[in-house]
Amino acid sequence: MQQRTRAHLALFTVNFIYGVNYVVAKGLMPEVIGPSGFILLRVLGAGALFWLVRLFRPERVAFPDLARLFACAFFGVALNQMMFFHGLMRTTPINASIIMVATPILVLVLAAVLLKERVTWTKAIGVLLGATGALSLILLKSDGDRSGASVLGDLFILINATSYGVYLVIVKPLMRKYDAVTLMAWSFLFGLLVVLPFGLQEFNAIAWSALTTPIWLAIGFVVVLVTFVAYLLNTWALGQVSPTVVGTYIYMQPILAAGFTWLFVRVGTERLGIPGQYTAHLGLAQLFCAAAIFTGVYLVGRADRVP
């Protein structure tokens, strides 16, 4: 199997995991653990796993690259995760996944600014249309909406998408020099320094003895699969394909999030032992916003293929 084929399989696996995470993580917040405490738990757990694996494949990092690694940690681990979890707690899984579809457009904009890539009129129209859809989705929601979404929650998710876009662009040069495990080990170490002051209080407030087996499994899923495995596969794939290709796979997330949300609602969270509340409503306004985002993404992707 060719490396690019493996990279595409890795990206499919990552976004399948992320699709499940929209409903699993929301079910744990804030009843079981606050968002900042959950992020600290993720960074501690996955960071320990990355450094454990690195013991078997040590690799030295040049001192000048530490500054870029800290930037990767800030945008790809700390700000990215804090905005996502705080946003997901305040909005719906479907809203969050639709806004995340704007990430590939943001990646192209950032690549044009930071990497000086050429932007055509078709790309510009696509960027404008996609951004309009994402912003409209935020502004059409009022705080305390019955669907469970809020302006603040949607805005946090948009910041998360932007942060992830920055990360995909700035980490790419490092992938030509270092192994994915090395990059993730240092990124999570630096990320821990950023998230520790924000999450320590909520982390200490966790009632560990009261956690049930389903909740432990859900936490394990988020720490091991959503964080350790997904970050590792995503970073490795980024070394094989362009940031735009990595971003394109995010298009799967609204469909997966909607499907898993519907499944959780149908099966019943009581049976699963997860206390969160879910809504499976997808209104007409959301559909129009999603159509605008997908159309914009299509135009950008189509223009990107034109030599």
C-alpha atoms as a PDB file:
ATOM      1  CA  MET A   1       0.000   0.000   0.000  1.00  0.00           C
ATOM      2  CA  GLN A   2       1.383   3.414  -1.005  1.00  0.00           C
ATOM      3  CA  GLN A   3       2.168   6.065   1.600  1.00  0.00           C
ATOM      4  CA  ARG A   4      -0.461   8.474   0.238  1.00  0.00           C
ATOM      5  CA  THR A   5      -3.097   5.744   0.452  1.00  0.00           C
ATOM      6  CA  ARG A   6      -2.114   5.094   4.067  1.00  0.00           C
ATOM      7  CA  ALA A   7      -2.325   8.833   4.716  1.00  0.00           C
ATOM      8  CA  HIS A   8      -5.889   8.960   3.360  1.00  0.00           C
ATOM      9  CA  LEU A   9      -6.884   5.960   5.492  1.00  0.00           C
ATOM     10  CA  ALA A  10      -5.337   7.652   8.517  1.00  0.00           C
ATOM     11  CA  LEU A  11      -7.277  10.862   7.844  1.00  0.00           C
ATOM     12  CA  PHE A  12     -10.522   8.937   7.412  1.00  0.00           C
ATOM     13  CA  THR A  13      -9.910   7.214  10.761  1.00  0.00           C
ATOM     14  CA  VAL A  14      -9.134  10.537  12.459  1.00  0.00           C
ATOM     15  CA  ASN A  15     -12.311  12.220  11.286  1.00  0.00           C
ATOM     16  CA  PHE A  16     -14.436   9.174  12.091  1.00  0.00           C
ATOM     17  CA  ILE A  17     -13.097   9.401  15.658  1.00  0.00           C
ATOM     18  CA  TYR A  18     -13.788  13.143  15.722  1.00  0.00           C
ATOM     19  CA  GLY A  19     -17.341  12.530  14.503  1.00  0.00           C
ATOM     20  CA  VAL A  20     -18.006  10.275  17.496  1.00  0.00           C
ATOM     21  CA  ASN A  21     -16.255  12.722  19.833  1.00  0.00           C
ATOM     22  CA  TYR A  22     -18.840  15.472  19.248  1.00  0.00           C
ATOM     23  CA  VAL A  23     -21.430  13.487  21.176  1.00  0.00           C
ATOM     24  CA  VAL A  24     -19.169  11.597  23.621  1.00  0.00           C
ATOM     25  CA  ALA A  25     -17.316  14.676  24.899  1.00  0.00           C
ATOM     26  CA  LYS A  26     -20.497  16.768  25.157  1.00  0.00           C
ATOM     27  CA  GLY A  27     -22.052  14.046  27.306  1.00  0.00           C
ATOM     28  CA  LEU A  28     -19.293  14.433  29.887  1.00  0.00           C
ATOM     29  CA  MET A  29     -19.443  18.227  30.272  1.00  0.00           C
ATOM     30  CA  PRO A  30     -20.073  19.857  32.658  1.00  0.00           C
ATOM     31  CA  GLU A  31     -21.775  17.200  34.843  1.00  0.00           C
ATOM     32  CA  VAL A  32     -18.747  14.903  35.065  1.00  0.00           C
ATOM     33  CA  ILE A  33     -15.903  17.335  34.430  1.00  0.00           C
ATOM     34  CA  GLY A  34     -15.567  20.989  33.412  1.00  0.00           C
ATOM     35  CA  PRO A  35     -14.150  21.759  29.962  1.00  0.00           C
ATOM     36  CA  SER A  36     -10.845  23.221  31.195  1.00  0.00           C
ATOM     37  CA  GLY A  37     -10.299  20.274  33.546  1.00  0.00           C
ATOM     38  CA  PHE A  38     -11.099  17.873  30.708  1.00  0.00           C
ATOM     39  CA  ILE A  39      -8.512  19.559  28.482  1.00  0.00           C
ATOM     40  CA  LEU A  40      -5.883  19.260  31.212  1.00  0.00           C
ATOM     41  CA  LEU A  41      -6.763  15.566  31.546  1.00  0.00           C
ATOM     42  CA  ARG A  42      -6.416  15.113  27.766  1.00  0.00           C
ATOM     43  CA  VAL A  43      -3.057  16.880  27.588  1.00  0.00           C
ATOM     44  CA  LEU A  44      -1.673  15.032  30.627  1.00  0.00           C
ATOM     45  CA  GLY A  45      -2.833  11.614  29.423  1.00  0.00           C
ATOM     46  CA  ALA A  46      -1.919  11.921  25.764  1.00  0.00           C
ATOM     47  CA  GLY A  47       1.308  13.777  26.534  1.00  0.00           C
ATOM     48  CA  ALA A  48       2.447  10.941  28.807  1.00  0.00           C
ATOM     49  CA  LEU A  49       1.690   8.434  26.033  1.00  0.00           C
ATOM     50  CA  PHE A  50       3.654  10.457  23.453  1.00  0.00           C
ATOM     51  CA  TRP A  51       6.708  10.718  25.707  1.00  0.00           C
ATOM     52  CA  LEU A  52       6.459   7.004  26.540  1.00  0.00           C
ATOM     53  CA  VAL A  53       6.528   6.119  22.827  1.00  0.00           C
ATOM     54  CA  ARG A  54       9.360   8.608  22.274  1.00  0.00           C
ATOM     55  CA  LEU A  55      11.555   6.642  24.690  1.00  0.00           C
ATOM     56  CA  PHE A  56      11.721   3.895  22.041  1.00  0.00           C
ATOM     57  CA  ARG A  57      12.489   6.301  19.167  1.00  0.00           C
ATOM     58  CA  PRO A  58      14.458   9.284  20.555  1.00  0.00           C
ATOM     59  CA  GLU A  59      15.120  12.212  18.235  1.00  0.00           C
ATOM     60  CA  ARG A  60      16.929  15.459  18.982  1.00  0.00           C
ATOM     61  CA  VAL A  61      15.238  18.773  18.216  1.00  0.00           C
ATOM     62  CA  ALA A  62      17.256  21.785  17.098  1.00  0.00           C
ATOM     63  CA  PHE A  63      17.044  24.695  19.545  1.00  0.00           C
ATOM     64  CA  PRO A  64      15.783  27.225  16.937  1.00  0.00           C
ATOM     65  CA  ASP A  65      12.804  24.945  16.195  1.00  0.00           C
ATOM     66  CA  LEU A  66      11.556  25.059  19.787  1.00  0.00           C
ATOM     67  CA  ALA A  67       9.909  28.431  19.182  1.00  0.00           C
ATOM     68  CA  ARG A  68       7.857  27.040  16.276  1.00  0.00           C
ATOM     69  CA  LEU A  69       7.042  23.973  18.375  1.00  0.00           C
ATOM     70  CA  PHE A  70       5.700  26.253  21.113  1.00  0.00           C
ATOM     71  CA  ALA A  71       3.532  28.011  18.506  1.00  0.00           C
ATOM     72  CA  CYS A  72       2.270  24.584  17.369  1.00  0.00           C
ATOM     73  CA  ALA A  73       1.489  23.739  20.990  1.00  0.00           C
ATOM     74  CA  PHE A  74      -0.398  26.998  21.520  1.00  0.00           C
ATOM     75  CA  PHE A  75      -2.520  26.851  18.351  1.00  0.00           C
ATOM     76  CA  GLY A  76      -2.774  23.081  17.868  1.00  0.00           C
ATOM     77  CA  VAL A  77      -3.109  21.871  21.470  1.00  0.00           C
ATOM     78  CA  ALA A  78      -3.942  24.629  23.979  1.00  0.00           C
ATOM     79  CA  LEU A  79      -6.101  27.238  22.201  1.00  0.00           C
ATOM     80  CA  ASN A  80      -7.542  24.655  19.817  1.00  0.00           C
ATOM     81  CA  GLN A  81      -8.750  22.320  22.563  1.00  0.00           C
ATOM     82  CA  MET A  82      -9.855  25.027  25.007  1.00  0.00           C
ATOM     83  CA  MET A  83     -12.033  26.738  22.411  1.00  0.00           C
ATOM     84  CA  PHE A  84     -13.467  23.445  21.156  1.00  0.00           C
ATOM     85  CA  PHE A  85     -14.468  22.083  24.564  1.00  0.00           C
ATOM     86  CA  HIS A  86     -15.794  25.387  25.886  1.00  0.00           C
ATOM     87  CA  GLY A  87     -17.649  25.881  22.626  1.00  0.00           C
ATOM     88  CA  LEU A  88     -19.059  22.339  22.493  1.00  0.00           C
ATOM     89  CA  MET A  89     -20.402  22.711  26.037  1.00  0.00           C
ATOM     90  CA  ARG A  90     -22.336  25.813  24.908  1.00  0.00           C
ATOM     91  CA  THR A  91     -23.567  24.698  21.496  1.00  0.00           C
ATOM     92  CA  THR A  92     -24.905  21.607  19.710  1.00  0.00           C
ATOM     93  CA  PRO A  93     -22.754  18.867  18.129  1.00  0.00           C
ATOM     94  CA  ILE A  94     -24.285  19.608  14.704  1.00  0.00           C
ATOM     95  CA  ASN A  95     -23.608  23.368  14.940  1.00  0.00           C
ATOM     96  CA  ALA A  96     -20.017  22.695  16.021  1.00  0.00           C
ATOM     97  CA  SER A  97     -19.332  20.259  13.189  1.00  0.00           C
ATOM     98  CA  ILE A  98     -20.822  22.572  10.547  1.00  0.00           C
ATOM     99  CA  ILE A  99     -18.663  25.502  11.661  1.00  0.00           C
ATOM    100  CA  MET A 100     -15.585  23.240  11.621  1.00  0.00           C
ATOM    101  CA  VAL A 101     -16.169  22.668   7.907  1.00  0.00           C
ATOM    102  CA  ALA A 102     -14.893  26.246   7.411  1.00  0.00           C
ATOM    103  CA  THR A 103     -11.410  25.108   8.513  1.00  0.00           C
ATOM    104  CA  PRO A 104     -10.157  24.155   4.999  1.00  0.00           C
ATOM    105  CA  ILE A 105     -11.111  27.627   3.773  1.00  0.00           C
ATOM    106  CA  LEU A 106      -9.239  29.179   6.684  1.00  0.00           C
ATOM    107  CA  VAL A 107      -6.229  26.983   5.881  1.00  0.00           C
ATOM    108  CA  LEU A 108      -6.126  28.316   2.319  1.00  0.00           C
ATOM    109  CA  VAL A 109      -6.370  31.912   3.526  1.00  0.00           C
ATOM    110  CA  LEU A 110      -3.587  31.388   6.073  1.00  0.00           C
ATOM    111  CA  ALA A 111      -1.450  29.572   3.484  1.00  0.00           C
ATOM    112  CA  ALA A 112      -1.832  32.590   1.179  1.00  0.00           C
ATOM    113  CA  VAL A 113      -0.760  34.959   3.955  1.00  0.00           C
ATOM    114  CA  LEU A 114       1.982  32.883   5.574  1.00  0.00           C
ATOM    115  CA  LEU A 115       3.218  30.800   2.636  1.00  0.00           C
ATOM    116  CA  LYS A 116       2.463  33.365  -0.110  1.00  0.00           C
ATOM    117  CA  GLU A 117       0.271  30.989  -2.133  1.00  0.00           C
ATOM    118  CA  ARG A 118      -1.664  32.579  -5.022  1.00  0.00           C
ATOM    119  CA  VAL A 119      -5.389  33.163  -4.494  1.00  0.00           C
ATOM    120  CA  THR A 120      -7.617  33.296  -7.610  1.00  0.00           C
ATOM    121  CA  TRP A 121     -11.001  35.017  -7.921  1.00  0.00           C
ATOM    122  CA  THR A 122     -12.739  31.653  -7.670  1.00  0.00           C
ATOM    123  CA  LYS A 123     -10.910  30.942  -4.436  1.00  0.00           C
ATOM    124  CA  ALA A 124     -11.750  34.401  -3.108  1.00  0.00           C
ATOM    125  CA  ILE A 125     -15.483  33.944  -3.872  1.00  0.00           C
ATOM    126  CA  GLY A 126     -15.414  30.519  -2.235  1.00  0.00           C
ATOM    127  CA  VAL A 127     -13.708  31.896   0.861  1.00  0.00           C
ATOM    128  CA  LEU A 128     -16.266  34.707   1.143  1.00  0.00           C
ATOM    129  CA  LEU A 129     -19.231  32.359   0.672  1.00  0.00           C
ATOM    130  CA  GLY A 130     -17.936  29.822   3.198  1.00  0.00           C
ATOM    131  CA  ALA A 131     -17.124  32.501   5.765  1.00  0.00           C
ATOM    132  CA  THR A 132     -20.601  34.001   5.289  1.00  0.00           C
ATOM    133  CA  GLY A 133     -22.185  30.619   6.001  1.00  0.00           C
ATOM    134  CA  ALA A 134     -20.137  30.071   9.161  1.00  0.00           C
ATOM    135  CA  LEU A 135     -20.746  33.579  10.529  1.00  0.00           C
ATOM    136  CA  SER A 136     -24.461  33.411   9.676  1.00  0.00           C
ATOM    137  CA  LEU A 137     -24.756  30.176  11.638  1.00  0.00           C
ATOM    138  CA  ILE A 138     -23.383  32.026  14.666  1.00  0.00           C
ATOM    139  CA  LEU A 139     -25.464  35.191  14.299  1.00  0.00           C
ATOM    140  CA  LEU A 140     -28.753  33.368  13.593  1.00  0.00           C
ATOM    141  CA  LYS A 141     -28.586  31.728  17.016  1.00  0.00           C
ATOM    142  CA  SER A 142     -29.684  33.621  20.102  1.00  0.00           C
ATOM    143  CA  ASP A 143     -28.233  32.919  23.522  1.00  0.00           C
ATOM    144  CA  GLY A 144     -30.249  30.290  25.364  1.00  0.00           C
ATOM    145  CA  ASP A 145     -31.859  28.908  22.232  1.00  0.00           C
ATOM    146  CA  ARG A 146     -33.962  25.814  22.907  1.00  0.00           C
ATOM    147  CA  SER A 147     -31.788  23.752  20.578  1.00  0.00           C
ATOM    148  CA  GLY A 148     -28.922  24.105  23.063  1.00  0.00           C
ATOM    149  CA  ALA A 149     -26.785  26.389  20.888  1.00  0.00           C
ATOM    150  CA  SER A 150     -25.527  29.862  21.828  1.00  0.00           C
ATOM    151  CA  VAL A 151     -23.677  32.691  20.099  1.00  0.00           C
ATOM    152  CA  LEU A 152     -20.736  32.354  22.496  1.00  0.00           C
ATOM    153  CA  GLY A 153     -20.482  28.587  21.949  1.00  0.00           C
ATOM    154  CA  ASP A 154     -20.547  28.927  18.165  1.00  0.00           C
ATOM    155  CA  LEU A 155     -17.966  31.743  18.328  1.00  0.00           C
ATOM    156  CA  PHE A 156     -15.627  29.555  20.415  1.00  0.00           C
ATOM    157  CA  ILE A 157     -15.908  26.807  17.790  1.00  0.00           C
ATOM    158  CA  LEU A 158     -15.050  29.296  15.036  1.00  0.00           C
ATOM    159  CA  ILE A 159     -11.954  30.411  16.999  1.00  0.00           C
ATOM    160  CA  ASN A 160     -11.076  26.731  17.413  1.00  0.00           C
ATOM    161  CA  ALA A 161     -11.358  26.202  13.643  1.00  0.00           C
ATOM    162  CA  THR A 162      -9.138  29.215  12.986  1.00  0.00           C
ATOM    163  CA  SER A 163      -6.565  28.036  15.516  1.00  0.00           C
ATOM    164  CA  TYR A 164      -6.483  24.584  13.930  1.00  0.00           C
ATOM    165  CA  GLY A 165      -5.989  26.175  10.516  1.00  0.00           C
ATOM    166  CA  VAL A 166      -2.985  28.128  11.812  1.00  0.00           C
ATOM    167  CA  TYR A 167      -1.578  24.925  13.298  1.00  0.00           C
ATOM    168  CA  LEU A 168      -1.848  22.987  10.014  1.00  0.00           C
ATOM    169  CA  VAL A 169       0.112  25.675   8.205  1.00  0.00           C
ATOM    170  CA  ILE A 170       2.901  26.276  10.751  1.00  0.00           C
ATOM    171  CA  VAL A 171       3.532  22.603  11.578  1.00  0.00           C
ATOM    172  CA  LYS A 172       4.056  21.558   7.947  1.00  0.00           C
ATOM    173  CA  PRO A 173       7.730  22.718   7.708  1.00  0.00           C
ATOM    174  CA  LEU A 174       8.572  20.744  10.861  1.00  0.00           C
ATOM    175  CA  MET A 175       7.151  17.555   9.337  1.00  0.00           C
ATOM    176  CA  ARG A 176      10.000  17.612   6.812  1.00  0.00           C
ATOM    177  CA  LYS A 177      12.547  17.450   9.651  1.00  0.00           C
ATOM    178  CA  TYR A 178      11.071  15.427  12.518  1.00  0.00           C
ATOM    179  CA  ASP A 179       9.059  12.326  13.299  1.00  0.00           C
ATOM    180  CA  ALA A 180       5.363  12.779  14.198  1.00  0.00           C
ATOM    181  CA  VAL A 181       5.922  11.343  17.706  1.00  0.00           C
ATOM    182  CA  THR A 182       8.706  13.868  18.395  1.00  0.00           C
ATOM    183  CA  LEU A 183       6.537  16.782  17.286  1.00  0.00           C
ATOM    184  CA  MET A 184       3.565  15.665  19.357  1.00  0.00           C
ATOM    185  CA  ALA A 185       5.650  14.939  22.479  1.00  0.00           C
ATOM    186  CA  TRP A 186       7.103  18.464  22.513  1.00  0.00           C
ATOM    187  CA  SER A 187       3.815  20.098  21.468  1.00  0.00           C
ATOM    188  CA  PHE A 188       1.918  18.449  24.319  1.00  0.00           C
ATOM    189  CA  LEU A 189       4.667  19.299  26.811  1.00  0.00           C
ATOM    190  CA  PHE A 190       4.503  22.982  25.864  1.00  0.00           C
ATOM    191  CA  GLY A 191       0.714  22.771  25.660  1.00  0.00           C
ATOM    192  CA  LEU A 192       0.603  21.493  29.244  1.00  0.00           C
ATOM    193  CA  LEU A 193       2.322  24.674  30.430  1.00  0.00           C
ATOM    194  CA  VAL A 194      -0.423  26.759  28.810  1.00  0.00           C
ATOM    195  CA  VAL A 195      -3.511  24.783  29.913  1.00  0.00           C
ATOM    196  CA  LEU A 196      -2.354  23.946  33.467  1.00  0.00           C
ATOM    197  CA  PRO A 197      -3.380  27.286  35.082  1.00  0.00           C
ATOM    198  CA  PHE A 198      -6.815  27.158  33.417  1.00  0.00           C
ATOM    199  CA  GLY A 199      -7.696  23.542  34.154  1.00  0.00           C
ATOM    200  CA  LEU A 200      -6.140  22.734  37.515  1.00  0.00           C
ATOM    201  CA  GLN A 201      -9.145  23.773  39.635  1.00  0.00           C
ATOM    202  CA  GLU A 202     -11.679  21.780  37.572  1.00  0.00           C
ATOM    203  CA  PHE A 203      -9.288  18.830  37.401  1.00  0.00           C
ATOM    204  CA  ASN A 204      -8.977  18.741  41.213  1.00  0.00           C
ATOM    205  CA  ALA A 205     -12.771  18.908  41.526  1.00  0.00           C
ATOM    206  CA  ILE A 206     -13.337  15.604  39.672  1.00  0.00           C
ATOM    207  CA  ALA A 207     -15.092  13.047  41.884  1.00  0.00           C
ATOM    208  CA  TRP A 208     -12.986  10.103  40.743  1.00  0.00           C
ATOM    209  CA  SER A 209     -14.616   7.574  43.074  1.00  0.00           C
ATOM    210  CA  ALA A 210     -18.079   8.410  41.698  1.00  0.00           C
ATOM    211  CA  LEU A 211     -17.191   7.730  38.057  1.00  0.00           C
ATOM    212  CA  THR A 212     -19.026   4.773  36.538  1.00  0.00           C
ATOM    213  CA  THR A 213     -17.558   2.275  34.075  1.00  0.00           C
ATOM    214  CA  PRO A 214     -19.275   3.881  31.008  1.00  0.00           C
ATOM    215  CA  ILE A 215     -17.906   7.276  32.022  1.00  0.00           C
ATOM    216  CA  TRP A 216     -14.389   5.850  32.447  1.00  0.00           C
ATOM    217  CA  LEU A 217     -14.684   4.320  28.978  1.00  0.00           C
ATOM    218  CA  ALA A 218     -15.855   7.651  27.545  1.00  0.00           C
ATOM    219  CA  ILE A 219     -12.927   9.477  29.176  1.00  0.00           C
ATOM    220  CA  GLY A 220     -10.540   6.809  27.893  1.00  0.00           C
ATOM    221  CA  PHE A 221     -11.982   7.203  24.400  1.00  0.00           C
ATOM    222  CA  VAL A 222     -11.355  10.973  24.454  1.00  0.00           C
ATOM    223  CA  VAL A 223      -7.846  10.742  25.934  1.00  0.00           C
ATOM    224  CA  VAL A 224      -6.507   7.747  23.983  1.00  0.00           C
ATOM    225  CA  LEU A 225      -8.355   7.794  20.656  1.00  0.00           C
ATOM    226  CA  VAL A 226      -9.480  11.403  20.183  1.00  0.00           C
ATOM    227  CA  THR A 227      -6.229  12.872  21.507  1.00  0.00           C
ATOM    228  CA  PHE A 228      -3.289  10.445  21.319  1.00  0.00           C
ATOM    229  CA  VAL A 229      -4.244   8.356  18.265  1.00  0.00           C
ATOM    230  CA  ALA A 230      -5.973  11.137  16.296  1.00  0.00           C
ATOM    231  CA  TYR A 231      -3.174  13.687  16.802  1.00  0.00           C
ATOM    232  CA  LEU A 232      -0.539  11.103  15.909  1.00  0.00           C
ATOM    233  CA  LEU A 233      -2.302   9.924  12.738  1.00  0.00           C
ATOM    234  CA  ASN A 234      -3.196  13.462  11.677  1.00  0.00           C
ATOM    235  CA  THR A 235       0.365  14.733  12.108  1.00  0.00           C
ATOM    236  CA  TRP A 236       1.841  11.720  10.328  1.00  0.00           C
ATOM    237  CA  ALA A 237      -0.586  12.151   7.412  1.00  0.00           C
ATOM    238  CA  LEU A 238       0.346  15.842   7.183  1.00  0.00           C
ATOM    239  CA  GLY A 239       3.886  14.729   6.385  1.00  0.00           C
ATOM    240  CA  GLN A 240       2.573  12.802   3.359  1.00  0.00           C
ATOM    241  CA  VAL A 241      -0.031  15.201   1.918  1.00  0.00           C
ATOM    242  CA  SER A 242      -0.722  18.956   1.875  1.00  0.00           C
ATOM    243  CA  PRO A 243      -2.535  20.873   4.642  1.00  0.00           C
ATOM    244  CA  THR A 244      -5.443  21.407   2.232  1.00  0.00           C
ATOM    245  CA  VAL A 245      -5.952  17.644   1.847  1.00  0.00           C
ATOM    246  CA  VAL A 246      -5.871  17.197   5.619  1.00  0.00           C
ATOM    247  CA  GLY A 247      -8.432  19.957   6.005  1.00  0.00           C
ATOM    248  CA  THR A 248     -10.684  18.485   3.318  1.00  0.00           C
ATOM    249  CA  TYR A 249     -11.446  15.442   5.457  1.00  0.00           C
ATOM    250  CA  ILE A 250     -13.215  17.710   7.959  1.00  0.00           C
ATOM    251  CA  TYR A 251     -16.102  17.740   5.469  1.00  0.00           C
ATOM    252  CA  MET A 252     -17.050  14.315   6.851  1.00  0.00           C
ATOM    253  CA  GLN A 253     -17.645  15.652  10.347  1.00  0.00           C
ATOM    254  CA  PRO A 254     -21.117  17.251   9.979  1.00  0.00           C
ATOM    255  CA  ILE A 255     -22.517  14.022   8.531  1.00  0.00           C
ATOM    256  CA  LEU A 256     -20.876  11.860  11.179  1.00  0.00           C
ATOM    257  CA  ALA A 257     -21.816  14.199  14.031  1.00  0.00           C
ATOM    258  CA  ALA A 258     -25.445  14.331  12.861  1.00  0.00           C
ATOM    259  CA  GLY A 259     -25.546  10.548  12.532  1.00  0.00           C
ATOM    260  CA  PHE A 260     -24.055   9.853  15.948  1.00  0.00           C
ATOM    261  CA  THR A 261     -26.217  12.539  17.586  1.00  0.00           C
ATOM    262  CA  TRP A 262     -29.313  10.899  16.088  1.00  0.00           C
ATOM    263  CA  LEU A 263     -28.060   7.503  17.291  1.00  0.00           C
ATOM    264  CA  PHE A 264     -27.488   8.761  20.841  1.00  0.00           C
ATOM    265  CA  VAL A 265     -30.940  10.326  20.928  1.00  0.00           C
ATOM    266  CA  ARG A 266     -32.565   7.161  19.550  1.00  0.00           C
ATOM    267  CA  VAL A 267     -30.696   4.712  21.764  1.00  0.00           C
ATOM    268  CA  GLY A 268     -30.983   6.911  24.843  1.00  0.00           C
ATOM    269  CA  THR A 269     -28.095   8.212  26.904  1.00  0.00           C
ATOM    270  CA  GLU A 270     -29.517   6.479  29.996  1.00  0.00           C
ATOM    271  CA  ARG A 271     -28.721   3.104  28.443  1.00  0.00           C
ATOM    272  CA  LEU A 272     -25.184   4.235  27.682  1.00  0.00           C
ATOM    273  CA  GLY A 273     -24.591   5.593  31.180  1.00  0.00           C
ATOM    274  CA  ILE A 274     -23.553   9.058  29.929  1.00  0.00           C
ATOM    275  CA  PRO A 275     -25.487  11.935  31.550  1.00  0.00           C
ATOM    276  CA  GLY A 276     -25.364  14.574  28.765  1.00  0.00           C
ATOM    277  CA  GLN A 277     -28.390  16.030  26.974  1.00  0.00           C
ATOM    278  CA  TYR A 278     -28.550  15.910  23.181  1.00  0.00           C
ATOM    279  CA  THR A 279     -30.721  17.422  20.479  1.00  0.00           C
ATOM    280  CA  ALA A 280     -31.035  16.017  16.973  1.00  0.00           C
ATOM    281  CA  HIS A 281     -32.759  19.043  15.440  1.00  0.00           C
ATOM    282  CA  LEU A 282     -31.342  20.405  12.165  1.00  0.00           C
ATOM    283  CA  GLY A 283     -33.279  23.519  11.138  1.00  0.00           C
ATOM    284  CA  LEU A 284     -33.702  25.190   7.765  1.00  0.00           C
ATOM    285  CA  ALA A 285     -31.362  28.061   8.706  1.00  0.00           C
ATOM    286  CA  GLN A 286     -28.614  25.561   9.578  1.00  0.00           C
ATOM    287  CA  LEU A 287     -29.111  23.776   6.270  1.00  0.00           C
ATOM    288  CA  PHE A 288     -28.744  27.035   4.311  1.00  0.00           C
ATOM    289  CA  CYS A 289     -25.595  27.932   6.259  1.00  0.00           C
ATOM    290  CA  ALA A 290     -24.178  24.459   5.670  1.00  0.00           C
ATOM    291  CA  ALA A 291     -24.986  24.729   1.945  1.00  0.00           C
ATOM    292  CA  ALA A 292     -23.127  28.053   1.781  1.00  0.00           C
ATOM    293  CA  ILE A 293     -20.087  26.547   3.528  1.00  0.00           C
ATOM    294  CA  PHE A 294     -20.013  23.442   1.320  1.00  0.00           C
ATOM    295  CA  THR A 295     -20.443  25.531  -1.850  1.00  0.00           C
ATOM    296  CA  GLY A 296     -17.600  27.806  -0.796  1.00  0.00           C
ATOM    297  CA  VAL A 297     -15.391  24.823  -0.012  1.00  0.00           C
ATOM    298  CA  TYR A 298     -16.235  23.273  -3.392  1.00  0.00           C
ATOM    299  CA  LEU A 299     -15.271  26.475  -5.249  1.00  0.00           C
ATOM    300  CA  VAL A 300     -12.008  26.755  -3.337  1.00  0.00           C
ATOM    301  CA  GLY A 301     -11.155  23.098  -3.912  1.00  0.00           C
ATOM    302  CA  ARG A 302     -12.063  23.315  -7.618  1.00  0.00           C
ATOM    303  CA  ALA A 303      -9.881  26.379  -8.082  1.00  0.00           C
ATOM    304  CA  ASP A 304      -7.030  24.714  -6.226  1.00  0.00           C
ATOM    305  CA  ARG A 305      -7.010  21.867  -8.788  1.00  0.00           C
ATOM    306  CA  VAL A 306      -6.723  24.258 -11.743  1.00  0.00           C
ATOM    307  CA  PRO A 307      -3.073  24.643 -12.795  1.00  0.00           C
END
